[in-house]
């Protein structure tokens, strides 16, 4: 990850609604069930969570992760699919070709 973005998220854990996300353990739990994602998807999720006011294009995500655009597209699509299929909750959303984190308290 570029620009030492590991330090953006200072909290070790956040909880909202049915979600519990532990950064130090790289764990994402929804309603008691752990959602398993790849290390790269975890890095992308951390980027998206770095500021709830920001959204990122695939090119920006690729640049931040130091990967090719087509790779970023694949990882983001798989992240969206995994979260949606396993939880029915869309904490990562796509709007007008930009991706963002949304704190849903369902």
PDB file of N, CA and C in Angstrom:
ATOM      1  N   UNK A   1       0.846  -1.172   0.000  1.00  0.00           N
ATOM      2  CA  UNK A   1       0.000   0.000   0.000  1.00  0.00           C
ATOM      3  C   UNK A   1       0.890   1.234   0.000  1.00  0.00           C
ATOM      4  N   UNK A   2       0.544   2.206  -0.803  1.00  0.00           N
ATOM      5  CA  UNK A   2       1.343   3.425  -0.916  1.00  0.00           C
ATOM      6  C   UNK A   2       1.100   4.390   0.241  1.00  0.00           C
ATOM      7  N   UNK A   3       2.031   5.320   0.387  1.00  0.00           N
ATOM      8  CA  UNK A   3       1.914   6.448   1.307  1.00  0.00           C
ATOM      9  C   UNK A   3       1.664   6.044   2.753  1.00  0.00           C
ATOM     10  N   UNK A   4       2.161   4.889   3.117  1.00  0.00           N
ATOM     11  CA  UNK A   4       2.019   4.402   4.483  1.00  0.00           C
ATOM     12  C   UNK A   4       0.577   4.491   4.967  1.00  0.00           C
ATOM     13  N   UNK A   5      -0.333   4.031   4.141  1.00  0.00           N
ATOM     14  CA  UNK A   5      -1.750   4.132   4.473  1.00  0.00           C
ATOM     15  C   UNK A   5      -2.150   3.179   5.588  1.00  0.00           C
ATOM     16  N   UNK A   6      -1.247   2.316   6.012  1.00  0.00           N
ATOM     17  CA  UNK A   6      -1.533   1.438   7.142  1.00  0.00           C
ATOM     18  C   UNK A   6      -1.854   2.263   8.389  1.00  0.00           C
ATOM     19  N   UNK A   7      -1.313   3.463   8.479  1.00  0.00           N
ATOM     20  CA  UNK A   7      -1.499   4.276   9.673  1.00  0.00           C
ATOM     21  C   UNK A   7      -2.745   5.148   9.625  1.00  0.00           C
ATOM     22  N   UNK A   8      -3.474   5.123   8.534  1.00  0.00           N
ATOM     23  CA  UNK A   8      -4.667   5.957   8.424  1.00  0.00           C
ATOM     24  C   UNK A   8      -5.700   5.562   9.468  1.00  0.00           C
ATOM     25  N   UNK A   9      -5.908   4.282   9.631  1.00  0.00           N
ATOM     26  CA  UNK A   9      -6.895   3.798  10.585  1.00  0.00           C
ATOM     27  C   UNK A   9      -6.217   3.603  11.933  1.00  0.00           C
ATOM     28  N   UNK A  10      -6.527   4.478  12.861  1.00  0.00           N
ATOM     29  CA  UNK A  10      -5.864   4.438  14.150  1.00  0.00           C
ATOM     30  C   UNK A  10      -6.591   3.536  15.139  1.00  0.00           C
ATOM     31  N   UNK A  11      -7.876   3.330  14.924  1.00  0.00           N
ATOM     32  CA  UNK A  11      -8.631   2.478  15.823  1.00  0.00           C
ATOM     33  C   UNK A  11      -8.281   1.021  15.568  1.00  0.00           C
ATOM     34  N   UNK A  12      -8.312   0.230  16.618  1.00  0.00           N
ATOM     35  CA  UNK A  12      -8.042  -1.194  16.466  1.00  0.00           C
ATOM     36  C   UNK A  12      -9.308  -1.957  16.102  1.00  0.00           C
ATOM     37  N   UNK A  13     -10.460  -1.380  16.457  1.00  0.00           N
ATOM     38  CA  UNK A  13     -11.718  -2.083  16.244  1.00  0.00           C
ATOM     39  C   UNK A  13     -12.846  -1.066  16.129  1.00  0.00           C
ATOM     40  N   UNK A  14     -13.785  -1.328  15.219  1.00  0.00           N
ATOM     41  CA  UNK A  14     -14.982  -0.501  15.159  1.00  0.00           C
ATOM     42  C   UNK A  14     -16.198  -1.416  15.162  1.00  0.00           C
ATOM     43  N   UNK A  15     -17.278  -0.899  15.689  1.00  0.00           N
ATOM     44  CA  UNK A  15     -18.527  -1.657  15.746  1.00  0.00           C
ATOM     45  C   UNK A  15     -19.660  -0.735  15.313  1.00  0.00           C
ATOM     46  N   UNK A  16     -20.500  -1.215  14.422  1.00  0.00           N
ATOM     47  CA  UNK A  16     -21.693  -0.481  14.027  1.00  0.00           C
ATOM     48  C   UNK A  16     -22.732  -1.487  13.572  1.00  0.00           C
ATOM     49  N   UNK A  17     -23.972  -1.304  14.020  1.00  0.00           N
ATOM     50  CA  UNK A  17     -25.034  -2.241  13.662  1.00  0.00           C
ATOM     51  C   UNK A  17     -24.622  -3.666  13.982  1.00  0.00           C
ATOM     52  N   UNK A  18     -24.723  -4.559  13.001  1.00  0.00           N
ATOM     53  CA  UNK A  18     -24.336  -5.965  13.160  1.00  0.00           C
ATOM     54  C   UNK A  18     -22.872  -6.202  12.807  1.00  0.00           C
ATOM     55  N   UNK A  19     -22.156  -5.136  12.473  1.00  0.00           N
ATOM     56  CA  UNK A  19     -20.765  -5.241  12.026  1.00  0.00           C
ATOM     57  C   UNK A  19     -19.782  -5.034  13.167  1.00  0.00           C
ATOM     58  N   UNK A  20     -18.719  -5.815  13.144  1.00  0.00           N
ATOM     59  CA  UNK A  20     -17.600  -5.672  14.068  1.00  0.00           C
ATOM     60  C   UNK A  20     -16.335  -5.893  13.239  1.00  0.00           C
ATOM     61  N   UNK A  21     -15.508  -4.875  13.121  1.00  0.00           N
ATOM     62  CA  UNK A  21     -14.307  -4.972  12.295  1.00  0.00           C
ATOM     63  C   UNK A  21     -13.089  -4.740  13.177  1.00  0.00           C
ATOM     64  N   UNK A  22     -12.201  -5.740  13.207  1.00  0.00           N
ATOM     65  CA  UNK A  22     -10.991  -5.700  14.023  1.00  0.00           C
ATOM     66  C   UNK A  22      -9.792  -5.543  13.096  1.00  0.00           C
ATOM     67  N   UNK A  23      -9.179  -4.379  13.118  1.00  0.00           N
ATOM     68  CA  UNK A  23      -8.087  -4.080  12.196  1.00  0.00           C
ATOM     69  C   UNK A  23      -6.808  -4.834  12.530  1.00  0.00           C
ATOM     70  N   UNK A  24      -6.486  -4.921  13.816  1.00  0.00           N
ATOM     71  CA  UNK A  24      -5.234  -5.584  14.187  1.00  0.00           C
ATOM     72  C   UNK A  24      -5.252  -7.074  13.858  1.00  0.00           C
ATOM     73  N   UNK A  25      -6.423  -7.694  13.872  1.00  0.00           N
ATOM     74  CA  UNK A  25      -6.546  -9.124  13.562  1.00  0.00           C
ATOM     75  C   UNK A  25      -7.029  -9.376  12.133  1.00  0.00           C
ATOM     76  N   UNK A  26      -7.299  -8.296  11.395  1.00  0.00           N
ATOM     77  CA  UNK A  26      -7.835  -8.399  10.035  1.00  0.00           C
ATOM     78  C   UNK A  26      -9.065  -9.306  10.008  1.00  0.00           C
ATOM     79  N   UNK A  27     -10.025  -8.977  10.883  1.00  0.00           N
ATOM     80  CA  UNK A  27     -11.254  -9.760  10.972  1.00  0.00           C
ATOM     81  C   UNK A  27     -12.454  -8.869  10.718  1.00  0.00           C
ATOM     82  N   UNK A  28     -13.372  -9.380   9.937  1.00  0.00           N
ATOM     83  CA  UNK A  28     -14.616  -8.687   9.646  1.00  0.00           C
ATOM     84  C   UNK A  28     -15.743  -9.643  10.037  1.00  0.00           C
ATOM     85  N   UNK A  29     -16.562  -9.223  11.005  1.00  0.00           N
ATOM     86  CA  UNK A  29     -17.617 -10.086  11.531  1.00  0.00           C
ATOM     87  C   UNK A  29     -18.963  -9.403  11.328  1.00  0.00           C
ATOM     88  N   UNK A  30     -19.919 -10.164  10.817  1.00  0.00           N
ATOM     89  CA  UNK A  30     -21.274  -9.654  10.619  1.00  0.00           C
ATOM     90  C   UNK A  30     -22.238 -10.571  11.357  1.00  0.00           C
ATOM     91  N   UNK A  31     -22.952 -10.029  12.332  1.00  0.00           N
ATOM     92  CA  UNK A  31     -23.955 -10.776  13.086  1.00  0.00           C
ATOM     93  C   UNK A  31     -23.375 -12.083  13.639  1.00  0.00           C
ATOM     94  N   UNK A  32     -22.130 -12.023  14.117  1.00  0.00           N
ATOM     95  CA  UNK A  32     -21.475 -13.168  14.728  1.00  0.00           C
ATOM     96  C   UNK A  32     -20.717 -14.083  13.779  1.00  0.00           C
ATOM     97  N   UNK A  33     -20.891 -13.913  12.478  1.00  0.00           N
ATOM     98  CA  UNK A  33     -20.214 -14.772  11.495  1.00  0.00           C
ATOM     99  C   UNK A  33     -19.054 -14.016  10.849  1.00  0.00           C
ATOM    100  N   UNK A  34     -17.901 -14.679  10.778  1.00  0.00           N
ATOM    101  CA  UNK A  34     -16.733 -14.045  10.171  1.00  0.00           C
ATOM    102  C   UNK A  34     -16.835 -14.070   8.650  1.00  0.00           C
ATOM    103  N   UNK A  35     -16.557 -12.936   8.029  1.00  0.00           N
ATOM    104  CA  UNK A  35     -16.533 -12.803   6.576  1.00  0.00           C
ATOM    105  C   UNK A  35     -15.069 -12.900   6.162  1.00  0.00           C
ATOM    106  N   UNK A  36     -14.743 -13.901   5.373  1.00  0.00           N
ATOM    107  CA  UNK A  36     -13.355 -14.132   4.973  1.00  0.00           C
ATOM    108  C   UNK A  36     -13.088 -13.442   3.636  1.00  0.00           C
ATOM    109  N   UNK A  37     -12.056 -12.590   3.633  1.00  0.00           N
ATOM    110  CA  UNK A  37     -11.640 -11.910   2.407  1.00  0.00           C
ATOM    111  C   UNK A  37     -10.123 -12.042   2.278  1.00  0.00           C
ATOM    112  N   UNK A  38      -9.620 -11.809   1.076  1.00  0.00           N
ATOM    113  CA  UNK A  38      -8.182 -11.919   0.835  1.00  0.00           C
ATOM    114  C   UNK A  38      -7.441 -10.737   1.460  1.00  0.00           C
ATOM    115  N   UNK A  39      -6.132 -10.867   1.570  1.00  0.00           N
ATOM    116  CA  UNK A  39      -5.319  -9.773   2.111  1.00  0.00           C
ATOM    117  C   UNK A  39      -5.460  -8.508   1.268  1.00  0.00           C
ATOM    118  N   UNK A  40      -5.468  -8.647  -0.057  1.00  0.00           N
ATOM    119  CA  UNK A  40      -5.608  -7.470  -0.916  1.00  0.00           C
ATOM    120  C   UNK A  40      -6.991  -6.836  -0.741  1.00  0.00           C
ATOM    121  N   UNK A  41      -8.029  -7.651  -0.623  1.00  0.00           N
ATOM    122  CA  UNK A  41      -9.366  -7.104  -0.383  1.00  0.00           C
ATOM    123  C   UNK A  41      -9.402  -6.378   0.958  1.00  0.00           C
ATOM    124  N   UNK A  42      -8.699  -6.905   1.940  1.00  0.00           N
ATOM    125  CA  UNK A  42      -8.622  -6.251   3.244  1.00  0.00           C
ATOM    126  C   UNK A  42      -7.948  -4.882   3.105  1.00  0.00           C
ATOM    127  N   UNK A  43      -6.868  -4.805   2.350  1.00  0.00           N
ATOM    128  CA  UNK A  43      -6.173  -3.534   2.128  1.00  0.00           C
ATOM    129  C   UNK A  43      -7.097  -2.526   1.434  1.00  0.00           C
ATOM    130  N   UNK A  44      -7.853  -3.003   0.470  1.00  0.00           N
ATOM    131  CA  UNK A  44      -8.792  -2.132  -0.246  1.00  0.00           C
ATOM    132  C   UNK A  44      -9.885  -1.659   0.703  1.00  0.00           C
ATOM    133  N   UNK A  45     -10.407  -2.552   1.526  1.00  0.00           N
ATOM    134  CA  UNK A  45     -11.429  -2.171   2.502  1.00  0.00           C
ATOM    135  C   UNK A  45     -10.896  -1.104   3.447  1.00  0.00           C
ATOM    136  N   UNK A  46      -9.661  -1.264   3.907  1.00  0.00           N
ATOM    137  CA  UNK A  46      -9.069  -0.261   4.788  1.00  0.00           C
ATOM    138  C   UNK A  46      -8.959   1.096   4.085  1.00  0.00           C
ATOM    139  N   UNK A  47      -8.580   1.085   2.828  1.00  0.00           N
ATOM    140  CA  UNK A  47      -8.511   2.331   2.065  1.00  0.00           C
ATOM    141  C   UNK A  47      -9.890   2.983   2.007  1.00  0.00           C
ATOM    142  N   UNK A  48     -10.901   2.205   1.662  1.00  0.00           N
ATOM    143  CA  UNK A  48     -12.254   2.750   1.556  1.00  0.00           C
ATOM    144  C   UNK A  48     -12.762   3.261   2.897  1.00  0.00           C
ATOM    145  N   UNK A  49     -12.355   2.618   3.978  1.00  0.00           N
ATOM    146  CA  UNK A  49     -12.790   3.020   5.312  1.00  0.00           C
ATOM    147  C   UNK A  49     -11.978   4.183   5.872  1.00  0.00           C
ATOM    148  N   UNK A  50     -10.921   4.574   5.201  1.00  0.00           N
ATOM    149  CA  UNK A  50     -10.037   5.614   5.728  1.00  0.00           C
ATOM    150  C   UNK A  50     -10.741   6.949   5.916  1.00  0.00           C
ATOM    151  N   UNK A  51     -11.777   7.210   5.138  1.00  0.00           N
ATOM    152  CA  UNK A  51     -12.543   8.445   5.281  1.00  0.00           C
ATOM    153  C   UNK A  51     -13.915   8.224   4.667  1.00  0.00           C
ATOM    154  N   UNK A  52     -14.946   8.295   5.486  1.00  0.00           N
ATOM    155  CA  UNK A  52     -16.302   8.023   4.999  1.00  0.00           C
ATOM    156  C   UNK A  52     -16.808   9.090   4.029  1.00  0.00           C
ATOM    157  N   UNK A  53     -16.116  10.199   3.944  1.00  0.00           N
ATOM    158  CA  UNK A  53     -16.508  11.262   3.017  1.00  0.00           C
ATOM    159  C   UNK A  53     -15.905  11.074   1.627  1.00  0.00           C
ATOM    160  N   UNK A  54     -14.946  10.160   1.509  1.00  0.00           N
ATOM    161  CA  UNK A  54     -14.253   9.963   0.236  1.00  0.00           C
ATOM    162  C   UNK A  54     -14.803   8.771  -0.529  1.00  0.00           C
ATOM    163  N   UNK A  55     -14.666   8.842  -1.837  1.00  0.00           N
ATOM    164  CA  UNK A  55     -14.921   7.688  -2.699  1.00  0.00           C
ATOM    165  C   UNK A  55     -13.737   7.597  -3.654  1.00  0.00           C
ATOM    166  N   UNK A  56     -13.521   6.411  -4.193  1.00  0.00           N
ATOM    167  CA  UNK A  56     -12.338   6.163  -4.998  1.00  0.00           C
ATOM    168  C   UNK A  56     -12.706   5.501  -6.313  1.00  0.00           C
ATOM    169  N   UNK A  57     -12.045   5.910  -7.376  1.00  0.00           N
ATOM    170  CA  UNK A  57     -12.211   5.242  -8.665  1.00  0.00           C
ATOM    171  C   UNK A  57     -11.330   3.997  -8.666  1.00  0.00           C
ATOM    172  N   UNK A  58     -11.561   3.120  -9.621  1.00  0.00           N
ATOM    173  CA  UNK A  58     -10.723   1.923  -9.745  1.00  0.00           C
ATOM    174  C   UNK A  58      -9.268   2.322  -9.978  1.00  0.00           C
ATOM    175  N   UNK A  59      -9.028   3.344 -10.787  1.00  0.00           N
ATOM    176  CA  UNK A  59      -7.649   3.798 -11.035  1.00  0.00           C
ATOM    177  C   UNK A  59      -6.977   4.268  -9.744  1.00  0.00           C
ATOM    178  N   UNK A  60      -7.721   5.006  -8.922  1.00  0.00           N
ATOM    179  CA  UNK A  60      -7.165   5.486  -7.654  1.00  0.00           C
ATOM    180  C   UNK A  60      -6.865   4.322  -6.711  1.00  0.00           C
ATOM    181  N   UNK A  61      -7.756   3.346  -6.678  1.00  0.00           N
ATOM    182  CA  UNK A  61      -7.533   2.164  -5.845  1.00  0.00           C
ATOM    183  C   UNK A  61      -6.309   1.404  -6.338  1.00  0.00           C
ATOM    184  N   UNK A  62      -6.210   1.221  -7.643  1.00  0.00           N
ATOM    185  CA  UNK A  62      -5.061   0.516  -8.226  1.00  0.00           C
ATOM    186  C   UNK A  62      -3.761   1.233  -7.867  1.00  0.00           C
ATOM    187  N   UNK A  63      -3.744   2.553  -7.999  1.00  0.00           N
ATOM    188  CA  UNK A  63      -2.544   3.326  -7.677  1.00  0.00           C
ATOM    189  C   UNK A  63      -2.183   3.175  -6.196  1.00  0.00           C
ATOM    190  N   UNK A  64      -3.181   3.308  -5.332  1.00  0.00           N
ATOM    191  CA  UNK A  64      -2.931   3.209  -3.890  1.00  0.00           C
ATOM    192  C   UNK A  64      -2.421   1.830  -3.488  1.00  0.00           C
ATOM    193  N   UNK A  65      -2.901   0.794  -4.165  1.00  0.00           N
ATOM    194  CA  UNK A  65      -2.509  -0.581  -3.837  1.00  0.00           C
ATOM    195  C   UNK A  65      -1.262  -1.028  -4.599  1.00  0.00           C
ATOM    196  N   UNK A  66      -0.834  -0.203  -5.551  1.00  0.00           N
ATOM    197  CA  UNK A  66       0.331  -0.513  -6.386  1.00  0.00           C
ATOM    198  C   UNK A  66       0.109  -1.790  -7.206  1.00  0.00           C
ATOM    199  N   UNK A  67      -1.088  -1.866  -7.817  1.00  0.00           N
ATOM    200  CA  UNK A  67      -1.443  -2.992  -8.682  1.00  0.00           C
ATOM    201  C   UNK A  67      -2.026  -2.443  -9.982  1.00  0.00           C
ATOM    202  N   UNK A  68      -2.198  -3.307 -10.959  1.00  0.00           N
ATOM    203  CA  UNK A  68      -2.773  -2.916 -12.245  1.00  0.00           C
ATOM    204  C   UNK A  68      -4.272  -2.645 -12.092  1.00  0.00           C
ATOM    205  N   UNK A  69      -4.813  -1.817 -12.973  1.00  0.00           N
ATOM    206  CA  UNK A  69      -6.225  -1.443 -12.917  1.00  0.00           C
ATOM    207  C   UNK A  69      -7.126  -2.672 -13.021  1.00  0.00           C
ATOM    208  N   UNK A  70      -6.804  -3.589 -13.938  1.00  0.00           N
ATOM    209  CA  UNK A  70      -7.654  -4.776 -14.089  1.00  0.00           C
ATOM    210  C   UNK A  70      -7.628  -5.655 -12.838  1.00  0.00           C
ATOM    211  N   UNK A  71      -6.501  -5.667 -12.134  1.00  0.00           N
ATOM    212  CA  UNK A  71      -6.420  -6.422 -10.883  1.00  0.00           C
ATOM    213  C   UNK A  71      -7.286  -5.765  -9.813  1.00  0.00           C
ATOM    214  N   UNK A  72      -7.211  -4.449  -9.722  1.00  0.00           N
ATOM    215  CA  UNK A  72      -8.020  -3.716  -8.749  1.00  0.00           C
ATOM    216  C   UNK A  72      -9.500  -3.952  -9.012  1.00  0.00           C
ATOM    217  N   UNK A  73      -9.884  -3.921 -10.284  1.00  0.00           N
ATOM    218  CA  UNK A  73     -11.283  -4.153 -10.653  1.00  0.00           C
ATOM    219  C   UNK A  73     -11.744  -5.525 -10.157  1.00  0.00           C
ATOM    220  N   UNK A  74     -10.916  -6.534 -10.367  1.00  0.00           N
ATOM    221  CA  UNK A  74     -11.252  -7.901  -9.947  1.00  0.00           C
ATOM    222  C   UNK A  74     -11.392  -7.985  -8.427  1.00  0.00           C
ATOM    223  N   UNK A  75     -10.434  -7.434  -7.697  1.00  0.00           N
ATOM    224  CA  UNK A  75     -10.472  -7.492  -6.236  1.00  0.00           C
ATOM    225  C   UNK A  75     -11.682  -6.754  -5.672  1.00  0.00           C
ATOM    226  N   UNK A  76     -11.983  -5.586  -6.212  1.00  0.00           N
ATOM    227  CA  UNK A  76     -13.116  -4.804  -5.711  1.00  0.00           C
ATOM    228  C   UNK A  76     -14.432  -5.514  -6.012  1.00  0.00           C
ATOM    229  N   UNK A  77     -14.584  -6.034  -7.220  1.00  0.00           N
ATOM    230  CA  UNK A  77     -15.813  -6.751  -7.570  1.00  0.00           C
ATOM    231  C   UNK A  77     -16.005  -7.973  -6.681  1.00  0.00           C
ATOM    232  N   UNK A  78     -14.929  -8.710  -6.411  1.00  0.00           N
ATOM    233  CA  UNK A  78     -15.014  -9.876  -5.532  1.00  0.00           C
ATOM    234  C   UNK A  78     -15.336  -9.466  -4.098  1.00  0.00           C
ATOM    235  N   UNK A  79     -14.774  -8.344  -3.649  1.00  0.00           N
ATOM    236  CA  UNK A  79     -15.067  -7.839  -2.311  1.00  0.00           C
ATOM    237  C   UNK A  79     -16.545  -7.487  -2.191  1.00  0.00           C
ATOM    238  N   UNK A  80     -17.071  -6.743  -3.159  1.00  0.00           N
ATOM    239  CA  UNK A  80     -18.491  -6.386  -3.153  1.00  0.00           C
ATOM    240  C   UNK A  80     -19.369  -7.633  -3.143  1.00  0.00           C
ATOM    241  N   UNK A  81     -19.042  -8.582  -3.997  1.00  0.00           N
ATOM    242  CA  UNK A  81     -19.821  -9.816  -4.122  1.00  0.00           C
ATOM    243  C   UNK A  81     -19.790 -10.618  -2.823  1.00  0.00           C
ATOM    244  N   UNK A  82     -18.615 -10.785  -2.240  1.00  0.00           N
ATOM    245  CA  UNK A  82     -18.472 -11.553  -1.001  1.00  0.00           C
ATOM    246  C   UNK A  82     -19.287 -10.939   0.124  1.00  0.00           C
ATOM    247  N   UNK A  83     -19.155  -9.635   0.307  1.00  0.00           N
ATOM    248  CA  UNK A  83     -19.884  -8.965   1.387  1.00  0.00           C
ATOM    249  C   UNK A  83     -21.386  -9.070   1.155  1.00  0.00           C
ATOM    250  N   UNK A  84     -21.836  -8.802  -0.047  1.00  0.00           N
ATOM    251  CA  UNK A  84     -23.265  -8.843  -0.353  1.00  0.00           C
ATOM    252  C   UNK A  84     -23.834 -10.253  -0.191  1.00  0.00           C
ATOM    253  N   UNK A  85     -23.135 -11.261  -0.717  1.00  0.00           N
ATOM    254  CA  UNK A  85     -23.632 -12.641  -0.641  1.00  0.00           C
ATOM    255  C   UNK A  85     -23.681 -13.165   0.786  1.00  0.00           C
ATOM    256  N   UNK A  86     -22.680 -12.833   1.589  1.00  0.00           N
ATOM    257  CA  UNK A  86     -22.606 -13.393   2.933  1.00  0.00           C
ATOM    258  C   UNK A  86     -23.385 -12.605   3.972  1.00  0.00           C
ATOM    259  N   UNK A  87     -23.722 -11.349   3.657  1.00  0.00           N
ATOM    260  CA  UNK A  87     -24.393 -10.525   4.666  1.00  0.00           C
ATOM    261  C   UNK A  87     -25.695  -9.897   4.182  1.00  0.00           C
ATOM    262  N   UNK A  88     -25.823  -9.695   2.885  1.00  0.00           N
ATOM    263  CA  UNK A  88     -26.975  -8.961   2.370  1.00  0.00           C
ATOM    264  C   UNK A  88     -26.869  -7.474   2.663  1.00  0.00           C
ATOM    265  N   UNK A  89     -25.737  -7.061   3.193  1.00  0.00           N
ATOM    266  CA  UNK A  89     -25.498  -5.673   3.571  1.00  0.00           C
ATOM    267  C   UNK A  89     -24.406  -5.093   2.679  1.00  0.00           C
ATOM    268  N   UNK A  90     -24.596  -3.895   2.224  1.00  0.00           N
ATOM    269  CA  UNK A  90     -23.654  -3.295   1.275  1.00  0.00           C
ATOM    270  C   UNK A  90     -22.839  -2.183   1.928  1.00  0.00           C
ATOM    271  N   UNK A  91     -21.832  -2.565   2.729  1.00  0.00           N
ATOM    272  CA  UNK A  91     -21.000  -1.537   3.365  1.00  0.00           C
ATOM    273  C   UNK A  91     -19.992  -0.946   2.396  1.00  0.00           C
ATOM    274  N   UNK A  92     -19.754  -1.636   1.295  1.00  0.00           N
ATOM    275  CA  UNK A  92     -18.940  -1.087   0.209  1.00  0.00           C
ATOM    276  C   UNK A  92     -19.886  -0.908  -0.966  1.00  0.00           C
ATOM    277  N   UNK A  93     -19.978   0.322  -1.441  1.00  0.00           N
ATOM    278  CA  UNK A  93     -20.936   0.621  -2.497  1.00  0.00           C
ATOM    279  C   UNK A  93     -20.273   1.289  -3.687  1.00  0.00           C
ATOM    280  N   UNK A  94     -20.877   1.065  -4.846  1.00  0.00           N
ATOM    281  CA  UNK A  94     -20.408   1.683  -6.089  1.00  0.00           C
ATOM    282  C   UNK A  94     -21.457   2.696  -6.529  1.00  0.00           C
ATOM    283  N   UNK A  95     -20.990   3.913  -6.779  1.00  0.00           N
ATOM    284  CA  UNK A  95     -21.888   4.962  -7.260  1.00  0.00           C
ATOM    285  C   UNK A  95     -21.137   5.774  -8.304  1.00  0.00           C
ATOM    286  N   UNK A  96     -21.665   5.777  -9.514  1.00  0.00           N
ATOM    287  CA  UNK A  96     -21.066   6.541 -10.611  1.00  0.00           C
ATOM    288  C   UNK A  96     -19.580   6.224 -10.793  1.00  0.00           C
ATOM    289  N   UNK A  97     -19.264   4.933 -10.865  1.00  0.00           N
ATOM    290  CA  UNK A  97     -17.892   4.453 -11.101  1.00  0.00           C
ATOM    291  C   UNK A  97     -16.918   4.785  -9.975  1.00  0.00           C
ATOM    292  N   UNK A  98     -17.451   5.079  -8.786  1.00  0.00           N
ATOM    293  CA  UNK A  98     -16.602   5.336  -7.624  1.00  0.00           C
ATOM    294  C   UNK A  98     -17.076   4.436  -6.489  1.00  0.00           C
ATOM    295  N   UNK A  99     -16.129   4.013  -5.661  1.00  0.00           N
ATOM    296  CA  UNK A  99     -16.423   3.091  -4.576  1.00  0.00           C
ATOM    297  C   UNK A  99     -16.210   3.791  -3.242  1.00  0.00           C
ATOM    298  N   UNK A 100     -17.074   3.457  -2.288  1.00  0.00           N
ATOM    299  CA  UNK A 100     -16.962   4.073  -0.972  1.00  0.00           C
ATOM    300  C   UNK A 100     -17.441   3.104   0.104  1.00  0.00           C
ATOM    301  N   UNK A 101     -17.072   3.418   1.331  1.00  0.00           N
ATOM    302  CA  UNK A 101     -17.511   2.669   2.498  1.00  0.00           C
ATOM    303  C   UNK A 101     -18.713   3.389   3.082  1.00  0.00           C
ATOM    304  N   UNK A 102     -19.732   2.628   3.434  1.00  0.00           N
ATOM    305  CA  UNK A 102     -20.934   3.198   4.037  1.00  0.00           C
ATOM    306  C   UNK A 102     -21.203   2.448   5.333  1.00  0.00           C
ATOM    307  N   UNK A 103     -21.317   3.184   6.411  1.00  0.00           N
ATOM    308  CA  UNK A 103     -21.574   2.572   7.714  1.00  0.00           C
ATOM    309  C   UNK A 103     -23.063   2.285   7.834  1.00  0.00           C
ATOM    310  N   UNK A 104     -23.430   1.025   7.637  1.00  0.00           N
ATOM    311  CA  UNK A 104     -24.831   0.610   7.666  1.00  0.00           C
ATOM    312  C   UNK A 104     -25.122  -0.011   9.024  1.00  0.00           C
ATOM    313  N   UNK A 105     -26.175   0.438   9.658  1.00  0.00           N
ATOM    314  CA  UNK A 105     -26.518  -0.061  10.991  1.00  0.00           C
ATOM    315  C   UNK A 105     -27.765  -0.930  10.943  1.00  0.00           C
ATOM    316  N   UNK A 106     -27.799  -1.858   9.997  1.00  0.00           N
ATOM    317  CA  UNK A 106     -28.971  -2.734   9.847  1.00  0.00           C
ATOM    318  C   UNK A 106     -29.086  -3.761  10.942  1.00  0.00           C
TER     319      UNK A 106
END
